[in-house]
Amino acid sequence: MSKYKKDEIADWYDQHSKSVLTFILLMVKDYQQAEDLTQDTFVKAYLYYDSFKHHSSEKTWLFSIAHNLTVDFLRKRKPAMFFKELFHLQKKRIPLPEEIFQIKEESFELYQALEELKDTYRKVIVLRKIKGFSIEDTAKILGWSESKVKSTLFRAIPALKEQLIKEGNWDEKAIRRY
C-alpha cells in the first residue's frame, strides 16, 4: 500500500465526503445508513483505486461508487419496505435535525418535495441541479445514456415544481430557479 494512495483517498474524503453523504441521504432517507454507505464508498474507492483510469474526475467516480452501493442497499431492503407499506405500518417520517443540518445546499422544503418524487427524478435532480454534475458525468454516475439523463431531467423539473406548489412551501419566484 503506497502512502500516496492513502493520502490521495484521504484528500478525496476531505473534499467530497459531505457531498457524497448528502447525495446518499437523499436516496435512503436514513442518516446512519447514509453515513455507513459513505464510508463504504471510500473504502471501495481505496480497494479499487488501481482501476480508476482518470477518464472522469475523482468526484464523478466516487459518486458512481456511492450510487451503485446505494442502489444495491435499496434493492436488498425493498422486500421489507413492501410489507411495511402493505400493512400500513410505515408512517410519514420527519427527518432528524442532524439530517436537516447535513442538507446545507438547499432548504428543508426542497428536501421534503424531493422525497415525494420518483427515485429516478430525485437522482437526476440531485446530481444535475444540486450537486452540479454535467450531463456526461451524471450519465456515468447513473449508468445511463446522456439522452436518458436529459429526458428524465426534462420530466423531473416540472414534477418537482408541481410538488413544491402542491405542498405550498415555495412561492412562484423561488420555484423559477429550477
C-alpha atoms as a PDB file:
ATOM      1  CA  MET A   1       0.000   0.000   0.000  1.00  0.00           C
ATOM      2  CA  SER A   2       1.521   3.192  -1.077  1.00  0.00           C
ATOM      3  CA  LYS A   3       1.473   6.270   1.105  1.00  0.00           C
ATOM      4  CA  TYR A   4       0.472   8.251  -1.992  1.00  0.00           C
ATOM      5  CA  LYS A   5      -2.695   6.150  -2.407  1.00  0.00           C
ATOM      6  CA  LYS A   6      -3.654   6.606   1.252  1.00  0.00           C
ATOM      7  CA  ASP A   7      -3.016  10.340   1.105  1.00  0.00           C
ATOM      8  CA  GLU A   8      -4.991  10.784  -2.100  1.00  0.00           C
ATOM      9  CA  ILE A   9      -8.006   8.868  -0.781  1.00  0.00           C
ATOM     10  CA  ALA A  10      -7.802  10.893   2.459  1.00  0.00           C
ATOM     11  CA  ASP A  11      -7.779  14.111   0.407  1.00  0.00           C
ATOM     12  CA  TRP A  12     -10.753  12.905  -1.598  1.00  0.00           C
ATOM     13  CA  TYR A  13     -12.573  12.113   1.638  1.00  0.00           C
ATOM     14  CA  ASP A  14     -11.910  15.624   2.965  1.00  0.00           C
ATOM     15  CA  GLN A  15     -13.086  17.204  -0.292  1.00  0.00           C
ATOM     16  CA  HIS A  16     -16.101  15.057  -1.180  1.00  0.00           C
ATOM     17  CA  SER A  17     -17.436  13.116   1.818  1.00  0.00           C
ATOM     18  CA  LYS A  18     -20.062  15.694   2.818  1.00  0.00           C
ATOM     19  CA  SER A  19     -21.323  15.928  -0.734  1.00  0.00           C
ATOM     20  CA  VAL A  20     -21.442  12.130  -1.101  1.00  0.00           C
ATOM     21  CA  LEU A  21     -23.240  11.837   2.256  1.00  0.00           C
ATOM     22  CA  THR A  22     -25.878  14.346   1.193  1.00  0.00           C
ATOM     23  CA  PHE A  23     -26.426  12.545  -2.108  1.00  0.00           C
ATOM     24  CA  ILE A  24     -26.867   9.180  -0.373  1.00  0.00           C
ATOM     25  CA  LEU A  25     -29.068  10.681   2.355  1.00  0.00           C
ATOM     26  CA  LEU A  26     -31.485  11.985  -0.244  1.00  0.00           C
ATOM     27  CA  MET A  27     -31.864   8.447  -1.585  1.00  0.00           C
ATOM     28  CA  VAL A  28     -32.009   6.356   1.611  1.00  0.00           C
ATOM     29  CA  LYS A  29     -33.576   8.912   3.993  1.00  0.00           C
ATOM     30  CA  ASP A  30     -31.731   7.385   6.950  1.00  0.00           C
ATOM     31  CA  TYR A  31     -28.814   9.362   8.337  1.00  0.00           C
ATOM     32  CA  GLN A  32     -26.988   6.448   9.987  1.00  0.00           C
ATOM     33  CA  GLN A  33     -27.311   4.302   6.868  1.00  0.00           C
ATOM     34  CA  ALA A  34     -26.131   7.216   4.715  1.00  0.00           C
ATOM     35  CA  GLU A  35     -23.044   7.569   6.908  1.00  0.00           C
ATOM     36  CA  ASP A  36     -22.338   3.837   6.572  1.00  0.00           C
ATOM     37  CA  LEU A  37     -22.743   3.916   2.803  1.00  0.00           C
ATOM     38  CA  THR A  38     -20.497   6.976   2.588  1.00  0.00           C
ATOM     39  CA  GLN A  39     -17.790   5.114   4.496  1.00  0.00           C
ATOM     40  CA  ASP A  40     -18.295   2.093   2.228  1.00  0.00           C
ATOM     41  CA  THR A  41     -17.879   4.366  -0.795  1.00  0.00           C
ATOM     42  CA  PHE A  42     -14.440   5.494   0.292  1.00  0.00           C
ATOM     43  CA  VAL A  43     -13.378   2.007   1.372  1.00  0.00           C
ATOM     44  CA  LYS A  44     -14.348   0.710  -2.057  1.00  0.00           C
ATOM     45  CA  ALA A  45     -12.517   3.606  -3.718  1.00  0.00           C
ATOM     46  CA  TYR A  46      -9.434   2.656  -1.723  1.00  0.00           C
ATOM     47  CA  LEU A  47      -9.731  -1.025  -2.617  1.00  0.00           C
ATOM     48  CA  TYR A  48     -10.310  -0.352  -6.312  1.00  0.00           C
ATOM     49  CA  TYR A  49      -8.041   2.664  -6.595  1.00  0.00           C
ATOM     50  CA  ASP A  50      -5.918   0.973  -9.259  1.00  0.00           C
ATOM     51  CA  SER A  51      -8.972   0.515 -11.503  1.00  0.00           C
ATOM     52  CA  PHE A  52      -9.617   4.290 -11.574  1.00  0.00           C
ATOM     53  CA  LYS A  53      -8.487   5.263 -15.077  1.00  0.00           C
ATOM     54  CA  HIS A  54      -8.981   9.047 -14.739  1.00  0.00           C
ATOM     55  CA  HIS A  55     -11.462   9.088 -17.655  1.00  0.00           C
ATOM     56  CA  SER A  56     -13.591  11.246 -15.388  1.00  0.00           C
ATOM     57  CA  SER A  57     -12.943  13.284 -12.256  1.00  0.00           C
ATOM     58  CA  GLU A  58     -12.465  11.548  -8.929  1.00  0.00           C
ATOM     59  CA  LYS A  59     -15.721  13.169  -7.783  1.00  0.00           C
ATOM     60  CA  THR A  60     -17.633  11.548 -10.641  1.00  0.00           C
ATOM     61  CA  TRP A  61     -16.002   8.205  -9.878  1.00  0.00           C
ATOM     62  CA  LEU A  62     -16.839   8.481  -6.166  1.00  0.00           C
ATOM     63  CA  PHE A  63     -20.461   9.406  -6.882  1.00  0.00           C
ATOM     64  CA  SER A  64     -20.698   6.444  -9.242  1.00  0.00           C
ATOM     65  CA  ILE A  65     -19.486   4.140  -6.476  1.00  0.00           C
ATOM     66  CA  ALA A  66     -21.878   5.779  -3.995  1.00  0.00           C
ATOM     67  CA  HIS A  67     -24.787   5.409  -6.399  1.00  0.00           C
ATOM     68  CA  ASN A  68     -24.092   1.722  -7.024  1.00  0.00           C
ATOM     69  CA  LEU A  69     -23.692   0.928  -3.324  1.00  0.00           C
ATOM     70  CA  THR A  70     -26.907   2.787  -2.504  1.00  0.00           C
ATOM     71  CA  VAL A  71     -28.893   1.071  -5.256  1.00  0.00           C
ATOM     72  CA  ASP A  72     -27.648  -2.311  -4.005  1.00  0.00           C
ATOM     73  CA  PHE A  73     -28.642  -1.385  -0.451  1.00  0.00           C
ATOM     74  CA  LEU A  74     -32.127  -0.263  -1.559  1.00  0.00           C
ATOM     75  CA  ARG A  75     -32.667  -3.430  -3.605  1.00  0.00           C
ATOM     76  CA  LYS A  76     -31.880  -5.593  -0.589  1.00  0.00           C
ATOM     77  CA  ARG A  77     -34.195  -3.526   1.590  1.00  0.00           C
ATOM     78  CA  LYS A  78     -37.165  -3.486  -0.796  1.00  0.00           C
ATOM     79  CA  PRO A  79     -38.972  -6.666   0.379  1.00  0.00           C
ATOM     80  CA  ALA A  80     -39.131  -5.356   3.947  1.00  0.00           C
ATOM     81  CA  MET A  81     -40.382  -1.972   2.761  1.00  0.00           C
ATOM     82  CA  PHE A  82     -43.059  -3.657   0.631  1.00  0.00           C
ATOM     83  CA  PHE A  83     -44.503  -5.451   3.651  1.00  0.00           C
ATOM     84  CA  LYS A  84     -44.401  -2.332   5.803  1.00  0.00           C
ATOM     85  CA  GLU A  85     -46.350  -0.426   3.172  1.00  0.00           C
ATOM     86  CA  LEU A  86     -48.713  -3.333   2.627  1.00  0.00           C
ATOM     87  CA  PHE A  87     -49.689  -3.381   6.287  1.00  0.00           C
ATOM     88  CA  HIS A  88     -49.685   0.407   6.613  1.00  0.00           C
ATOM     89  CA  LEU A  89     -47.001   0.330   9.271  1.00  0.00           C
ATOM     90  CA  GLN A  90     -44.897   2.963   7.613  1.00  0.00           C
ATOM     91  CA  LYS A  91     -45.530   6.419   8.964  1.00  0.00           C
ATOM     92  CA  LYS A  92     -44.571   9.622   7.241  1.00  0.00           C
ATOM     93  CA  ARG A  93     -41.045  10.095   8.503  1.00  0.00           C
ATOM     94  CA  ILE A  94     -39.854  13.510   9.543  1.00  0.00           C
ATOM     95  CA  PRO A  95     -36.119  13.985   9.016  1.00  0.00           C
ATOM     96  CA  LEU A  96     -33.970  14.218  12.129  1.00  0.00           C
ATOM     97  CA  PRO A  97     -32.411  17.584  12.997  1.00  0.00           C
ATOM     98  CA  GLU A  98     -28.977  16.198  12.032  1.00  0.00           C
ATOM     99  CA  GLU A  99     -30.318  15.232   8.597  1.00  0.00           C
ATOM    100  CA  ILE A 100     -31.723  18.694   8.033  1.00  0.00           C
ATOM    101  CA  PHE A 101     -28.406  20.231   9.065  1.00  0.00           C
ATOM    102  CA  GLN A 102     -26.490  17.996   6.642  1.00  0.00           C
ATOM    103  CA  ILE A 103     -28.516  19.157   3.679  1.00  0.00           C
ATOM    104  CA  LYS A 104     -26.961  22.586   3.528  1.00  0.00           C
ATOM    105  CA  GLU A 105     -27.232  23.044  -0.246  1.00  0.00           C
ATOM    106  CA  GLU A 106     -30.978  23.534  -0.236  1.00  0.00           C
ATOM    107  CA  SER A 107     -33.872  24.120   2.095  1.00  0.00           C
ATOM    108  CA  PHE A 108     -35.890  21.671   4.130  1.00  0.00           C
ATOM    109  CA  GLU A 109     -38.858  22.287   1.825  1.00  0.00           C
ATOM    110  CA  LEU A 110     -36.893  21.113  -1.184  1.00  0.00           C
ATOM    111  CA  TYR A 111     -35.853  18.003   0.747  1.00  0.00           C
ATOM    112  CA  GLN A 112     -39.487  17.231   1.545  1.00  0.00           C
ATOM    113  CA  ALA A 113     -40.551  17.731  -2.077  1.00  0.00           C
ATOM    114  CA  LEU A 114     -37.707  15.561  -3.362  1.00  0.00           C
ATOM    115  CA  GLU A 115     -38.824  12.758  -1.039  1.00  0.00           C
ATOM    116  CA  GLU A 116     -42.146  12.646  -2.838  1.00  0.00           C
ATOM    117  CA  LEU A 117     -40.632  12.283  -6.329  1.00  0.00           C
ATOM    118  CA  LYS A 118     -39.854   9.088  -8.185  1.00  0.00           C
ATOM    119  CA  ASP A 119     -36.388   7.738  -7.424  1.00  0.00           C
ATOM    120  CA  THR A 120     -35.098   8.418 -10.947  1.00  0.00           C
ATOM    121  CA  TYR A 121     -36.322  12.021 -10.823  1.00  0.00           C
ATOM    122  CA  ARG A 122     -34.777  12.574  -7.405  1.00  0.00           C
ATOM    123  CA  LYS A 123     -31.390  11.191  -8.501  1.00  0.00           C
ATOM    124  CA  VAL A 124     -31.140  13.276 -11.645  1.00  0.00           C
ATOM    125  CA  ILE A 125     -32.231  16.489  -9.903  1.00  0.00           C
ATOM    126  CA  VAL A 126     -29.761  15.971  -7.055  1.00  0.00           C
ATOM    127  CA  LEU A 127     -26.852  15.218  -9.373  1.00  0.00           C
ATOM    128  CA  ARG A 128     -27.541  17.867 -12.030  1.00  0.00           C
ATOM    129  CA  LYS A 129     -29.142  20.731 -10.125  1.00  0.00           C
ATOM    130  CA  ILE A 130     -27.927  20.402  -6.549  1.00  0.00           C
ATOM    131  CA  LYS A 131     -24.509  18.780  -6.988  1.00  0.00           C
ATOM    132  CA  GLY A 132     -23.849  20.475 -10.331  1.00  0.00           C
ATOM    133  CA  PHE A 133     -22.627  17.486 -12.334  1.00  0.00           C
ATOM    134  CA  SER A 134     -22.581  17.761 -16.121  1.00  0.00           C
ATOM    135  CA  ILE A 135     -24.930  15.658 -18.239  1.00  0.00           C
ATOM    136  CA  GLU A 136     -21.981  13.460 -19.213  1.00  0.00           C
ATOM    137  CA  ASP A 137     -20.878  12.901 -15.598  1.00  0.00           C
ATOM    138  CA  THR A 138     -24.456  12.297 -14.436  1.00  0.00           C
ATOM    139  CA  ALA A 139     -24.829   9.653 -17.141  1.00  0.00           C
ATOM    140  CA  LYS A 140     -21.610   7.972 -15.980  1.00  0.00           C
ATOM    141  CA  ILE A 141     -22.663   8.011 -12.326  1.00  0.00           C
ATOM    142  CA  LEU A 142     -26.111   6.568 -13.024  1.00  0.00           C
ATOM    143  CA  GLY A 143     -25.028   4.244 -15.821  1.00  0.00           C
ATOM    144  CA  TRP A 144     -27.492   5.903 -18.203  1.00  0.00           C
ATOM    145  CA  SER A 145     -27.173   7.392 -21.659  1.00  0.00           C
ATOM    146  CA  GLU A 146     -26.871  11.168 -21.884  1.00  0.00           C
ATOM    147  CA  SER A 147     -30.225  11.323 -23.659  1.00  0.00           C
ATOM    148  CA  LYS A 148     -31.878   9.470 -20.753  1.00  0.00           C
ATOM    149  CA  VAL A 149     -30.397  11.994 -18.324  1.00  0.00           C
ATOM    150  CA  LYS A 150     -31.753  14.879 -20.423  1.00  0.00           C
ATOM    151  CA  SER A 151     -35.232  13.402 -20.877  1.00  0.00           C
ATOM    152  CA  THR A 152     -35.524  12.384 -17.218  1.00  0.00           C
ATOM    153  CA  LEU A 153     -34.471  15.851 -16.081  1.00  0.00           C
ATOM    154  CA  PHE A 154     -36.944  17.367 -18.560  1.00  0.00           C
ATOM    155  CA  ARG A 155     -39.739  15.445 -16.803  1.00  0.00           C
ATOM    156  CA  ALA A 156     -38.329  15.751 -13.287  1.00  0.00           C
ATOM    157  CA  ILE A 157     -38.180  19.547 -13.063  1.00  0.00           C
ATOM    158  CA  PRO A 158     -41.909  20.089 -13.707  1.00  0.00           C
ATOM    159  CA  ALA A 159     -42.693  17.264 -11.272  1.00  0.00           C
ATOM    160  CA  LEU A 160     -40.577  18.971  -8.609  1.00  0.00           C
ATOM    161  CA  LYS A 161     -42.226  22.339  -9.250  1.00  0.00           C
ATOM    162  CA  GLU A 162     -45.656  20.724  -9.036  1.00  0.00           C
ATOM    163  CA  GLN A 163     -44.744  19.052  -5.745  1.00  0.00           C
ATOM    164  CA  LEU A 164     -43.417  22.291  -4.277  1.00  0.00           C
ATOM    165  CA  ILE A 165     -46.567  24.158  -5.260  1.00  0.00           C
ATOM    166  CA  LYS A 166     -48.766  21.311  -4.013  1.00  0.00           C
ATOM    167  CA  GLU A 167     -47.096  21.430  -0.610  1.00  0.00           C
ATOM    168  CA  GLY A 168     -47.422  25.212  -0.570  1.00  0.00           C
ATOM    169  CA  ASN A 169     -43.833  25.546   0.521  1.00  0.00           C
ATOM    170  CA  TRP A 170     -42.428  27.871  -2.098  1.00  0.00           C
ATOM    171  CA  ASP A 171     -43.691  30.859  -3.923  1.00  0.00           C
ATOM    172  CA  GLU A 172     -43.514  31.185  -7.714  1.00  0.00           C
ATOM    173  CA  LYS A 173     -40.423  33.408  -7.567  1.00  0.00           C
ATOM    174  CA  ALA A 174     -38.406  30.773  -5.681  1.00  0.00           C
ATOM    175  CA  ILE A 175     -39.586  27.984  -7.976  1.00  0.00           C
ATOM    176  CA  ARG A 176     -38.351  29.774 -11.102  1.00  0.00           C
ATOM    177  CA  ARG A 177     -34.774  28.954 -10.045  1.00  0.00           C
ATOM    178  CA  TYR A 178     -35.433  25.393 -11.075  1.00  0.00           C
END
